Amino acid sequence: MQSVLIVANGGLPKEFHLEHEIKKYATVVALDGAANRLAQSGLFPDVVLGDFDSIAQEVLEQCKAAQVNIVATPDQERSDISKGLDWVHKTYPESNVSIVGVEIGRYDHHLAAYSALFECDSLATIILDGWEAFRVSSTPRNIRTVVDKSVSLLPFGTVTGVHLKGCQYPLQSETLTTGTRGISNKAIESTITASVETGHLLLLIER
């Protein structure tokens, strides 16, 4: 399965060093102004995608000269992450997708990154400072972890048929609603499994 890294134009996790981590991915997609950060490190993505309102013109020209794939997405009704996820899933439908660059800079952009997972029905993993976040789907997902790592579930609205195994507080066909139930669980096994029947459920796990 091909690995794809989407780099958004926000803060990077402190432990995520682009020069080293970028080598782990077959394809790197920079969302608009994120290409500026890559260029400052002497790196070029495989794709630059966005409406190009924040990429420096000089960097855009450098990318074109380096034969980077330039994908214009002028739609102002959706975030760059949402548009980037849609493009990646259509272009590389079997890919394993990771997202960085959503650390707090603007709170609306940070929260919108989570919403984009549901908007795009995406199983991408958002890599954060010491945490990972992803959408829980109807297909059980096995997540490798370390015993005693924190696990939290955040429902967006009403979520039914929630299953969670391998944690201190397991769930079996539970219904969760927007609130704080599901916060601060703990892994008691090296692999936890999560799934949901209906609704939007975000899982955050300590790395």
Foldseek 3Di string as FASTA:
>chain_A
DFEEEEEEAADFAPPDDCVPVVVVGPFYEYEQCSLVVQVVVVHGGLEYEEQNPRHDPVSVVVNVVVVRHYYYDNDPPADSLLVVVQVCCVVPVPYAYEYTRLPDPDPVSNVSNLVSCVVNVHQHWYDHHQKIKGKAAQDKDKDFADFFWWKFKAFDAKFFQKAKPQWPDTDGRDIDGGDRPRGGITGHDRIMIIHTDDGIMMMMIGD
